[in-house]
Protein backbone atom coordinates (compact mmCIF):
# COMPACT_ATOMS: atom_id res chain seq x y z
CA MET A 1 25.85 13.96 29.67
CA SER A 2 24.78 16.92 27.59
CA VAL A 3 24.67 16.77 23.81
CA ALA A 4 25.52 19.66 21.54
CA PRO A 5 22.47 21.36 19.94
CA LEU A 6 23.75 20.51 16.46
CA ALA A 7 23.77 16.81 17.34
CA ILE A 8 20.22 17.07 18.67
CA ASP A 9 19.13 18.72 15.44
CA ARG A 10 20.73 15.99 13.37
CA ARG A 11 19.03 13.32 15.43
CA ARG A 12 15.68 14.99 14.98
CA VAL A 13 16.20 15.21 11.24
CA ILE A 14 17.18 11.53 11.00
CA ILE A 15 14.13 10.46 13.02
CA ALA A 16 11.93 12.74 10.93
CA LEU A 17 13.30 11.19 7.72
CA TRP A 18 12.56 7.73 9.10
CA LEU A 19 8.98 8.80 9.87
CA ALA A 20 8.71 10.32 6.38
CA VAL A 21 9.62 6.92 4.92
CA LEU A 22 6.93 5.31 7.09
CA CYS A 23 4.46 7.96 5.96
CA ALA A 24 5.31 7.22 2.32
CA MET A 25 4.84 3.51 3.00
CA VAL A 26 1.41 4.16 4.50
CA PHE A 27 0.55 6.15 1.38
CA VAL A 28 1.63 3.23 -0.84
CA MET A 29 -0.44 0.94 1.38
CA VAL A 30 -3.49 3.10 0.71
CA VAL A 31 -2.89 2.95 -3.04
CA LEU A 32 -2.51 -0.84 -2.90
CA GLY A 33 -5.71 -1.02 -0.87
CA GLY A 34 -7.54 1.06 -3.44
CA VAL A 35 -6.37 -1.14 -6.30
CA THR A 36 -7.32 -4.24 -4.29
CA ARG A 37 -10.78 -2.85 -3.73
CA LEU A 38 -11.31 -1.74 -7.33
CA THR A 39 -10.18 -5.08 -8.75
CA HIS A 40 -12.46 -6.96 -6.32
CA SER A 41 -9.48 -8.82 -4.91
CA GLY A 42 -9.91 -8.21 -1.20
CA LEU A 43 -11.77 -11.43 -0.40
CA SER A 44 -9.35 -13.75 -2.18
CA MET A 45 -7.41 -14.51 1.03
CA VAL A 46 -9.87 -16.09 3.43
CA GLU A 47 -7.45 -16.62 6.32
CA TRP A 48 -5.55 -14.16 8.49
CA ARG A 49 -2.16 -15.28 9.72
CA PRO A 50 -0.41 -12.06 10.78
CA LEU A 51 2.77 -13.74 12.04
CA THR A 52 3.11 -16.75 9.73
CA GLY A 53 1.50 -15.56 6.51
CA TRP A 54 4.56 -13.96 4.96
CA LEU A 55 4.89 -16.33 2.00
CA PRO A 56 2.38 -16.83 -0.84
CA PRO A 57 1.55 -20.30 -2.18
CA LEU A 58 4.80 -21.68 -3.61
CA SER A 59 3.66 -24.84 -5.36
CA GLU A 60 0.79 -25.82 -7.59
CA GLY A 61 -0.62 -27.88 -4.73
CA GLU A 62 -0.56 -24.90 -2.38
CA TRP A 63 -2.27 -22.74 -5.00
CA ARG A 64 -5.01 -25.32 -5.43
CA ASP A 65 -5.45 -25.54 -1.68
CA ALA A 66 -5.82 -21.74 -1.41
CA PHE A 67 -8.26 -21.75 -4.34
CA GLY A 68 -10.27 -24.54 -2.73
CA LYS A 69 -10.66 -22.50 0.45
CA TYR A 70 -11.77 -19.47 -1.57
CA GLN A 71 -14.41 -21.60 -3.34
CA GLN A 72 -16.15 -22.22 -0.02
CA PHE A 73 -17.12 -18.57 0.41
CA PRO A 74 -19.92 -16.39 -1.03
CA GLU A 75 -17.82 -14.38 -3.49
CA TYR A 76 -16.86 -17.47 -5.47
CA ARG A 77 -20.24 -19.18 -5.18
CA GLU A 78 -22.28 -16.13 -6.20
CA LEU A 79 -19.97 -14.07 -8.45
CA ASN A 80 -16.84 -15.92 -9.52
CA TYR A 81 -18.18 -19.48 -9.98
CA ALA A 82 -16.71 -19.58 -13.51
CA MET A 83 -13.24 -18.50 -12.33
CA GLY A 84 -10.32 -20.85 -12.87
CA LEU A 85 -7.06 -21.13 -11.00
CA GLY A 86 -5.38 -18.52 -13.25
CA GLY A 87 -8.04 -15.94 -12.51
CA PHE A 88 -7.80 -16.68 -8.80
CA LYS A 89 -4.04 -16.10 -8.84
CA SER A 90 -4.51 -12.66 -10.41
CA ILE A 91 -6.81 -11.44 -7.63
CA TYR A 92 -4.85 -13.24 -4.91
CA TRP A 93 -1.66 -11.34 -5.72
CA HIS A 94 -3.33 -7.95 -5.17
CA GLU A 95 -4.51 -8.86 -1.68
CA TYR A 96 -1.26 -10.64 -0.85
CA LEU A 97 0.83 -7.58 -1.75
CA HIS A 98 -1.48 -5.38 0.29
CA ARG A 99 -1.03 -7.57 3.38
CA LEU A 100 2.69 -8.06 2.79
CA TRP A 101 3.23 -4.31 2.56
CA GLY A 102 1.47 -3.88 5.91
CA ARG A 103 3.88 -6.35 7.49
CA LEU A 104 6.84 -4.52 5.93
CA ILE A 105 5.61 -1.27 7.47
CA GLY A 106 5.70 -2.99 10.84
CA VAL A 107 9.29 -4.11 10.29
CA ALA A 108 10.27 -0.64 9.02
CA PHE A 109 8.92 0.76 12.27
CA VAL A 110 10.22 -1.73 14.83
CA LEU A 111 13.85 -2.10 13.72
CA PRO A 112 14.77 1.63 13.51
CA PHE A 113 12.78 2.32 16.67
CA ALA A 114 14.83 -0.28 18.53
CA VAL A 115 18.08 1.19 17.19
CA PHE A 116 17.11 4.75 18.13
CA ALA A 117 16.07 3.60 21.60
CA LEU A 118 19.36 1.74 22.16
CA LEU A 119 21.30 4.81 21.02
CA GLY A 120 19.39 6.95 23.51
CA TRP A 121 17.95 9.21 20.83
CA LEU A 122 14.36 9.00 22.08
CA ASN A 123 13.25 10.95 25.09
CA ARG A 124 10.26 9.68 27.04
CA PRO A 125 7.57 11.89 25.43
CA LEU A 126 8.74 11.09 21.90
CA ALA A 127 9.07 7.37 22.67
CA GLY A 128 5.51 7.40 23.99
CA ARG A 129 4.20 9.13 20.87
CA LEU A 130 6.02 6.67 18.63
CA GLY A 131 4.68 3.80 20.70
CA LEU A 132 1.17 5.10 20.09
CA ALA A 133 1.87 5.12 16.34
CA PHE A 134 2.87 1.46 16.56
CA VAL A 135 -0.31 0.56 18.46
CA LEU A 136 -2.41 2.39 15.86
CA GLY A 137 -0.70 0.44 13.10
CA GLY A 138 -1.38 -2.87 14.84
CA LEU A 139 -5.02 -1.99 15.41
CA GLN A 140 -5.30 -1.07 11.73
CA GLY A 141 -4.24 -4.58 10.80
CA VAL A 142 -6.91 -6.04 13.08
CA LEU A 143 -9.48 -3.64 11.64
CA GLY A 144 -8.51 -4.70 8.11
CA TRP A 145 -9.23 -8.35 8.88
CA TYR A 146 -12.47 -7.38 10.66
CA MET A 147 -13.47 -5.64 7.43
CA VAL A 148 -12.58 -8.66 5.26
CA LYS A 149 -14.52 -11.02 7.53
CA SER A 150 -17.73 -9.09 6.82
CA GLY A 151 -17.50 -10.24 3.20
CA LEU A 152 -16.94 -13.89 4.09
CA ILE A 153 -20.22 -14.53 5.87
CA ASN A 154 -23.40 -13.98 3.86
CA GLU A 155 -22.80 -11.29 1.25
CA PRO A 156 -19.83 -11.30 -1.17
CA ASP A 157 -18.92 -7.72 -0.28
CA VAL A 158 -17.43 -6.06 2.77
CA SER A 159 -19.43 -3.82 5.06
CA GLN A 160 -19.29 -0.18 3.97
CA TYR A 161 -19.09 0.77 7.65
CA ARG A 162 -16.02 -1.37 8.25
CA LEU A 163 -14.46 -0.25 4.97
CA THR A 164 -14.88 3.41 5.93
CA ALA A 165 -13.52 2.74 9.43
CA HIS A 166 -10.47 1.07 7.84
CA LEU A 167 -10.01 4.08 5.55
CA GLY A 168 -10.48 6.51 8.44
CA ALA A 169 -7.87 4.70 10.51
CA ALA A 170 -5.42 5.05 7.62
CA PHE A 171 -6.05 8.81 7.62
CA VAL A 172 -5.47 8.95 11.39
CA ILE A 173 -2.17 7.07 11.15
CA PHE A 174 -1.01 9.07 8.13
CA GLY A 175 -1.92 12.40 9.74
CA TYR A 176 -0.40 11.44 13.08
CA LEU A 177 2.93 10.54 11.48
CA LEU A 178 2.92 13.82 9.56
CA TRP A 179 2.28 15.79 12.73
CA LEU A 180 5.15 13.99 14.44
CA ILE A 181 7.41 14.99 11.54
CA PHE A 182 6.28 18.63 11.76
CA GLY A 183 7.06 18.69 15.47
CA LEU A 184 10.49 17.16 15.01
CA LEU A 185 11.50 19.62 12.32
CA ALA A 186 10.19 22.67 14.20
CA PRO A 187 10.86 22.04 17.90
CA GLY A 188 10.10 24.82 20.35
CA ALA A 189 8.85 27.12 17.60
CA ARG A 190 7.82 30.65 18.49
CA ARG A 191 4.98 32.38 16.75
CA VAL A 192 3.83 35.95 16.33
CA VAL A 193 0.10 36.00 15.89
CA ALA A 194 -2.30 38.87 15.46
CA PRO A 195 -5.57 38.30 17.35
CA GLU A 196 -7.55 38.69 14.13
CA ARG A 197 -5.48 35.97 12.48
CA ARG A 198 -6.76 33.37 14.92
CA ALA A 199 -9.94 33.22 12.87
CA LEU A 200 -7.83 32.22 9.84
CA VAL A 201 -6.23 29.41 11.84
CA ARG A 202 -9.63 28.17 13.01
CA PHE A 203 -10.93 28.29 9.45
CA ALA A 204 -7.94 26.23 8.27
CA VAL A 205 -8.77 23.62 10.93
CA VAL A 206 -12.39 23.55 9.78
CA ALA A 207 -11.31 23.15 6.14
CA THR A 208 -9.05 20.25 7.14
CA GLY A 209 -11.94 18.62 8.98
CA LEU A 210 -14.16 19.04 5.93
CA ILE A 211 -11.53 17.39 3.73
CA LEU A 212 -11.45 14.43 6.10
CA VAL A 213 -15.26 14.16 6.19
CA MET A 214 -15.37 14.33 2.38
CA ALA A 215 -12.80 11.54 2.14
CA LEU A 216 -14.72 9.36 4.59
CA SER A 217 -17.91 9.91 2.62
CA GLY A 218 -15.94 8.52 -0.32
CA GLY A 219 -15.49 5.36 1.74
CA PHE A 220 -19.26 4.87 1.77
CA VAL A 221 -19.40 5.58 -1.96
CA ALA A 222 -16.77 2.87 -2.51
CA GLY A 223 -18.38 0.43 -0.07
CA LEU A 224 -21.77 0.77 -1.74
CA ASP A 225 -20.35 0.81 -5.29
CA ALA A 226 -22.20 4.11 -5.65
CA GLY A 227 -19.73 5.45 -8.20
CA PHE A 228 -21.18 3.17 -10.85
CA ILE A 229 -24.49 5.02 -11.03
CA TYR A 230 -25.36 8.57 -12.15
CA ASN A 231 -22.16 8.90 -14.15
CA THR A 232 -22.83 12.49 -15.17
CA PHE A 233 -21.77 15.78 -13.68
CA PRO A 234 -22.99 18.15 -12.29
CA LEU A 235 -26.49 16.69 -12.73
CA MET A 236 -27.75 13.35 -11.43
CA GLU A 237 -30.32 11.94 -13.84
CA GLY A 238 -30.83 15.43 -15.25
CA ARG A 239 -31.37 17.04 -11.84
CA LEU A 240 -29.22 18.83 -9.29
CA ILE A 241 -31.08 17.04 -6.49
CA PRO A 242 -32.13 13.51 -7.47
CA ASP A 243 -35.23 11.69 -6.30
CA ASN A 244 -35.21 9.06 -3.57
CA LEU A 245 -32.55 10.71 -1.44
CA PHE A 246 -34.32 9.59 1.72
CA GLU A 247 -36.21 6.51 0.63
CA ALA A 248 -34.55 4.24 3.23
CA THR A 249 -35.96 4.11 6.74
CA PRO A 250 -35.13 5.31 9.26
CA TRP A 251 -34.08 8.45 7.40
CA TYR A 252 -30.70 8.83 9.07
CA ILE A 253 -29.28 5.66 7.50
CA ASN A 254 -29.58 7.07 3.98
CA PRO A 255 -26.08 8.62 3.83
CA PHE A 256 -24.62 5.25 4.77
CA GLU A 257 -26.89 2.72 3.04
CA ASN A 258 -28.65 4.51 0.17
CA ILE A 259 -26.33 4.58 -2.84
CA ILE A 260 -28.06 7.65 -4.29
CA THR A 261 -27.67 9.63 -1.06
CA ALA A 262 -24.07 8.48 -0.57
CA GLN A 263 -23.02 9.74 -4.00
CA PHE A 264 -25.02 12.96 -3.70
CA LEU A 265 -23.47 13.82 -0.32
CA HIS A 266 -19.98 13.07 -1.60
CA ARG A 267 -20.57 15.47 -4.50
CA LEU A 268 -22.03 18.08 -2.16
CA LEU A 269 -19.14 17.79 0.29
CA ALA A 270 -16.68 18.15 -2.59
CA VAL A 271 -18.32 21.43 -3.61
CA VAL A 272 -18.26 22.61 0.02
CA VAL A 273 -14.55 21.76 0.34
CA VAL A 274 -13.67 23.56 -2.89
CA ALA A 275 -15.53 26.63 -1.63
CA ALA A 276 -13.89 26.41 1.80
CA VAL A 277 -10.38 26.19 0.33
CA ALA A 278 -11.10 29.11 -2.01
CA LEU A 279 -12.36 31.17 0.92
CA LEU A 280 -9.33 30.23 3.02
CA TRP A 281 -7.04 31.38 0.22
CA SER A 282 -9.00 34.62 -0.17
CA ARG A 283 -8.86 35.38 3.56
CA SER A 284 -5.16 34.55 3.70
CA ARG A 285 -4.46 37.30 1.15
CA ARG A 286 -5.21 39.87 3.85
CA TRP A 287 -2.10 38.82 5.77
CA ALA A 288 1.59 39.06 4.97
CA LEU A 289 2.21 35.43 5.83
CA ASP A 290 5.64 33.86 6.01
CA GLY A 291 6.84 31.83 3.06
CA ALA A 292 5.92 28.38 4.42
CA ALA A 293 2.34 29.32 5.22
CA ARG A 294 1.85 31.07 1.88
CA ARG A 295 3.28 28.13 -0.07
CA ALA A 296 1.14 25.67 1.87
CA ILE A 297 -2.09 27.55 1.14
CA ASN A 298 -1.23 28.00 -2.53
CA MET A 299 -0.43 24.30 -2.81
CA LEU A 300 -3.74 23.44 -1.14
CA VAL A 301 -5.61 25.44 -3.80
CA LEU A 302 -3.77 23.62 -6.58
CA LEU A 303 -4.41 20.22 -5.04
CA ILE A 304 -8.13 20.76 -4.51
CA VAL A 305 -8.46 21.62 -8.20
CA VAL A 306 -6.58 18.45 -9.18
CA GLN A 307 -8.58 16.31 -6.76
CA ALA A 308 -11.90 17.69 -7.98
CA GLY A 309 -10.83 16.99 -11.56
CA LEU A 310 -9.84 13.42 -10.66
CA GLY A 311 -13.18 12.88 -8.93
CA ILE A 312 -15.21 14.12 -11.88
CA ALA A 313 -13.14 12.10 -14.36
CA THR A 314 -13.49 8.97 -12.21
CA LEU A 315 -17.26 9.40 -12.16
CA LEU A 316 -17.69 10.18 -15.85
CA LEU A 317 -15.52 7.24 -16.92
CA VAL A 318 -17.34 4.86 -14.54
CA VAL A 319 -14.53 4.27 -12.06
CA PRO A 320 -11.59 2.88 -14.01
CA VAL A 321 -9.06 1.28 -11.67
CA ALA A 322 -6.21 3.74 -12.33
CA LEU A 323 -8.36 6.84 -11.86
CA GLY A 324 -10.17 5.43 -8.85
CA ALA A 325 -6.88 4.63 -7.12
CA ALA A 326 -5.47 8.06 -8.05
CA HIS A 327 -8.56 9.77 -6.63
CA GLN A 328 -8.19 7.93 -3.32
CA ALA A 329 -4.48 8.72 -3.20
CA GLY A 330 -5.26 12.36 -4.01
CA ALA A 331 -7.44 12.57 -0.92
CA PHE A 332 -4.44 11.68 1.24
CA VAL A 333 -2.19 14.20 -0.50
CA LEU A 334 -4.86 16.89 -0.05
CA PHE A 335 -5.26 16.00 3.64
CA ALA A 336 -1.49 16.13 4.14
CA CYS A 337 -1.32 19.59 2.59
CA ALA A 338 -4.19 20.79 4.77
CA LEU A 339 -2.30 19.63 7.87
CA TRP A 340 0.75 21.50 6.58
CA VAL A 341 -1.38 24.64 6.28
CA VAL A 342 -2.62 24.29 9.87
CA HIS A 343 0.88 23.73 11.20
CA ALA A 344 2.39 26.54 9.16
CA LEU A 345 -0.24 29.00 10.33
CA ASN A 346 0.12 27.94 13.96
CA PHE A 347 3.81 27.30 14.43
CA THR A 348 5.75 29.62 12.15
CA VAL A 349 6.40 33.32 12.54
CA ALA A 350 3.97 35.49 10.59
CA GLN A 351 4.99 38.95 9.55
CA VAL A 352 2.14 41.15 10.63
CA ASP A 353 1.63 44.73 11.66
CA ASP A 354 3.57 45.36 14.87
CA LYS A 355 0.73 47.48 16.19
CA LYS A 356 -1.58 44.47 16.07
CA ALA A 357 0.85 41.73 16.94
CA PHE A 358 1.49 40.06 20.21
CA VAL A 359 3.99 37.35 21.06
CA GLU A 360 2.85 33.95 22.16
CA GLN A 361 5.55 31.42 22.92
CA THR A 362 4.67 27.79 22.37
CA VAL A 363 6.69 24.64 22.73
CA THR A 364 5.18 22.64 19.94
CA GLY A 365 4.95 19.35 18.24
CA PRO A 366 5.33 15.70 19.10
CA GLY A 367 9.10 15.97 18.85
CA SER A 368 9.41 18.52 21.64
CA ASP A 369 11.86 17.83 24.43
CA GLY A 370 9.58 19.63 26.85
């Protein structure tokens, strides 16, 4: 039975709105994770019960039991040995809310997905892509516990490698959901692209990749607590290039295990990203782009300025919780805008010189019926 095009459009919009809610929930999850990290709350829950751990301790006895379990691990023994039950509750709630929100994201995915499937709104390709999103979300939960476990063994801190992997997975899920939304709202888009403009598209992809690499380097800065040293800008201990950048051996571990190198590379990558976005904007001025692409690039310029300002302020003020969380959240907003730029340049009609233009038809996006 065929469905009228208007009905198909409405269904796509409804599914896209649902995915937008999930995307917003992932963003909130990232903010909660940042606050949990910055308040040193992530190791307060020493057990992982993904199916049965919905409720927090509800009685004084349950709170004491949870506190007793926490006291058996390195963070309490080495750092928080003077902490009482009240202090434990304050850090416990941060980690509990972080985990609870992850479970709520799962529910917010499964229930609407089941309804859409029963209504017959999901074709096979789209159902497969949504299924992949669910698998990624589940793996992220496992990766989160794998990260926490690294801080429950010998050292009272999680592995910077696992922390960065957890952060990177959040970017993958967030970006994947966004791309699904773009495809749903622009199915079967046609584009008119001048051959010379392909270089602009490639440059936008490179800039997006650089933003992601910069954000992941921030994961190593956070994992090593490297933001608490050299709290000046643009110099580090009075120099543009500090000493001891490669003091660890072998040399290639320095970006990941040397706190000086980790912070220096994060600064350097930030400068590179600012320059790349500025160059992308400059190159884009040569083309009479459509409104969406032009707005996306202009927004990207604004956001990189804001994000750079947040990063510098976070460093100079020695990583206050609010600024640190805002800086991490800003990285996701910047990444989202960069993906918007790439999609707008690829999948919307650009108004270019007819003498240069050629038509290339593309059925695009995860929401395509094709």
